[in-house]
Protein backbone atom coordinates (compact mmCIF):
# COMPACT_ATOMS: atom_id res chain seq x y z
CA MET A 1 -6.34 2.99 -5.87
CA ILE A 2 -4.93 -0.68 -5.56
CA SER A 3 -7.57 -3.45 -4.35
CA LEU A 4 -7.55 -4.60 -1.07
CA THR A 5 -6.47 -7.64 -2.14
CA LEU A 6 -3.60 -6.73 -3.37
CA ALA A 7 -2.85 -3.93 -0.34
CA GLN A 8 -2.92 -6.61 2.61
CA GLN A 9 -0.71 -9.72 0.21
CA LEU A 10 1.61 -6.71 0.24
CA LYS A 11 1.62 -6.24 3.71
CA ALA A 12 1.43 -10.33 4.03
CA ALA A 13 4.80 -9.74 2.02
CA GLY A 14 6.79 -7.39 4.40
CA LEU A 15 5.55 -3.78 2.86
CA VAL A 16 6.02 -1.67 6.04
CA TRP A 17 3.89 1.04 6.61
CA HIS A 18 5.22 4.53 8.10
CA THR A 19 1.56 6.48 8.47
CA ASN A 20 1.29 9.56 6.87
CA ASN A 21 -1.34 12.08 7.00
CA TYR A 22 -3.45 11.39 3.75
CA ASP A 23 -2.20 8.17 4.02
CA PHE A 24 -5.27 5.72 2.64
CA PHE A 25 -6.40 2.64 4.48
CA ALA A 26 -9.13 0.29 5.25
CA ILE A 27 -11.17 -2.24 7.97
CA PRO A 28 -11.34 -5.73 7.01
CA ASP A 29 -12.90 -8.54 8.34
CA ARG A 30 -15.09 -5.59 10.11
CA GLU A 31 -18.29 -5.58 7.40
CA LEU A 32 -16.06 -2.19 6.75
CA ASP A 33 -14.01 -3.60 3.68
CA ASP A 34 -15.81 -1.40 1.05
CA ARG A 35 -14.84 1.51 2.93
CA VAL A 36 -11.32 3.86 2.53
CA PHE A 37 -10.59 5.61 5.65
CA VAL A 38 -7.61 8.13 5.20
CA LEU A 39 -5.39 9.93 8.21
CA ALA A 40 -5.68 13.40 9.07
CA ASP A 41 -5.15 15.77 12.08
CA MET A 42 -8.85 15.79 12.41
CA MET A 43 -10.45 12.85 12.24
CA ALA A 44 -8.14 9.77 12.39
CA TYR A 45 -4.59 9.48 13.38
CA THR A 46 -2.07 7.63 14.33
CA GLU A 47 -0.89 7.18 18.15
CA LEU A 48 0.66 5.30 21.35
CA VAL A 49 -2.17 3.52 23.55
CA GLN A 50 -0.07 1.63 26.04
CA GLY A 51 2.79 1.28 24.12
CA TRP A 52 1.01 0.23 20.76
CA PRO A 53 0.58 2.01 17.88
CA VAL A 54 -2.79 2.57 16.85
CA VAL A 55 -5.53 4.44 14.61
CA ALA A 56 -7.27 6.89 17.09
CA PHE A 57 -10.69 8.17 15.40
CA HIS A 58 -12.01 11.70 16.83
CA GLY A 59 -14.95 13.63 15.64
CA THR A 60 -16.87 10.99 13.88
CA ALA A 61 -20.47 10.90 15.15
CA GLU A 62 -21.76 7.99 13.18
CA TRP A 63 -20.05 5.25 14.94
CA ALA A 64 -18.58 4.32 17.82
CA LEU A 65 -14.62 3.42 17.16
CA ASP A 66 -11.96 4.94 19.03
CA TYR A 67 -9.24 3.49 18.05
CA ILE A 68 -7.99 0.30 16.62
CA LEU A 69 -3.88 -1.49 16.13
CA THR A 70 -2.81 -0.69 13.19
CA ARG A 71 -1.25 -4.45 13.26
CA GLU A 72 -5.52 -5.21 12.26
CA VAL A 73 -5.83 -2.11 9.23
CA VAL A 74 -4.15 -2.26 5.89
CA TRP A 75 -2.49 0.01 3.68
CA MET A 76 -3.35 1.29 1.03
CA PRO A 77 -0.69 2.61 -0.35
CA THR A 78 -0.91 5.67 -3.58
CA GLU A 79 0.50 4.99 -6.97
CA GLU A 80 3.15 7.47 -6.09
CA GLN A 81 3.79 5.32 -2.42
CA LEU A 82 3.62 2.18 -4.70
CA ARG A 83 6.74 3.48 -6.94
CA GLU A 84 8.69 4.69 -4.30
CA ALA A 85 9.07 1.27 -2.31
CA LEU A 86 9.47 -0.72 -5.89
CA GLU A 87 12.48 2.69 -6.32
CA ALA A 88 13.62 1.43 -3.10
CA ALA A 89 13.76 -1.99 -3.30
CA LEU A 90 14.93 -2.39 -7.16
CA GLN A 91 18.13 -0.07 -5.79
CA ASP A 92 18.46 -2.62 -3.29
CA ALA A 93 18.98 -5.22 -6.11
CA GLU A 94 22.39 -6.73 -6.94
CA PHE A 95 22.53 -5.03 -10.63
CA PRO A 96 21.94 -1.78 -11.99
CA ALA A 97 17.86 -1.86 -12.18
CA ALA A 98 15.38 -0.31 -14.84
CA LEU A 99 11.94 0.52 -14.27
CA SER A 100 9.59 1.29 -16.45
CA LEU A 101 5.61 2.42 -16.74
CA ALA A 102 3.50 2.19 -20.48
CA ARG A 103 -0.51 2.03 -21.30
CA VAL A 104 -1.55 -0.86 -22.84
CA ASP A 105 -5.24 -1.55 -24.51
CA SER A 106 -6.14 -3.46 -20.70
CA GLY A 107 -4.52 -0.60 -19.01
CA TYR A 108 -0.95 -0.24 -17.40
CA ARG A 109 1.95 -2.07 -17.68
CA CYS A 110 5.15 -2.17 -15.34
CA HIS A 111 8.12 -3.20 -16.35
CA ILE A 112 11.33 -4.17 -13.86
CA THR A 113 14.69 -5.42 -14.40
CA PRO A 114 15.39 -6.44 -10.71
CA GLY A 115 18.71 -8.24 -12.33
CA THR A 116 19.07 -9.93 -15.49
CA GLU A 117 16.06 -11.06 -15.92
CA PRO A 118 13.68 -8.39 -16.97
CA GLN A 119 9.68 -8.90 -15.69
CA ALA A 120 6.67 -7.60 -16.89
CA PHE A 121 3.52 -6.74 -14.52
CA ASP A 122 -0.11 -5.93 -15.64
CA GLY A 123 -2.56 -4.05 -14.06
CA PRO A 124 -6.20 -1.92 -15.11
CA THR A 125 -4.67 0.90 -13.36
CA ALA A 126 -0.60 2.27 -12.57
CA SER A 127 -0.84 2.07 -8.70
CA GLU A 128 -2.19 -2.02 -9.51
CA ALA A 129 0.49 -2.48 -12.27
CA TYR A 130 2.85 -0.98 -10.02
CA GLY A 131 1.26 -2.86 -7.11
CA ARG A 132 2.22 -6.15 -8.42
CA ALA A 133 5.94 -5.15 -9.37
CA LEU A 134 6.63 -4.41 -5.50
CA LEU A 135 4.43 -7.73 -4.81
CA PHE A 136 7.21 -10.01 -6.47
CA LEU A 137 10.31 -8.47 -5.53
CA LEU A 138 8.98 -8.13 -1.94
CA GLU A 139 7.77 -12.00 -2.13
CA GLY A 140 11.92 -13.17 -4.57
């Protein structure tokens, strides 16, 4: 899983969350930064409240949070979701794009060629490496 910091940077750079069951998310700035939540049919799910998309909680007895706006939470995409978003971003490139992931001593290295200049992004996990590459493309 990627860090909350990287997830917040991806959100700020424009990564759009199309919610699905079993997506992970965090609720920053509410003393819950170290907790990761998951969307599921029974406990947390998305719905509209007064026309606004929210994450709703039902059946949680340990704390009283009925719902929170999706703009207040941060999606924590999985490795697969990051790779798919990265592949989609690379398809929009003007030139044929390349993507690869390699294991290195420090973790993982994601290589992308979004144009004529190859780029490399390291991370302790494959997810972090993919996330850093995606952030580069979103900010570019």
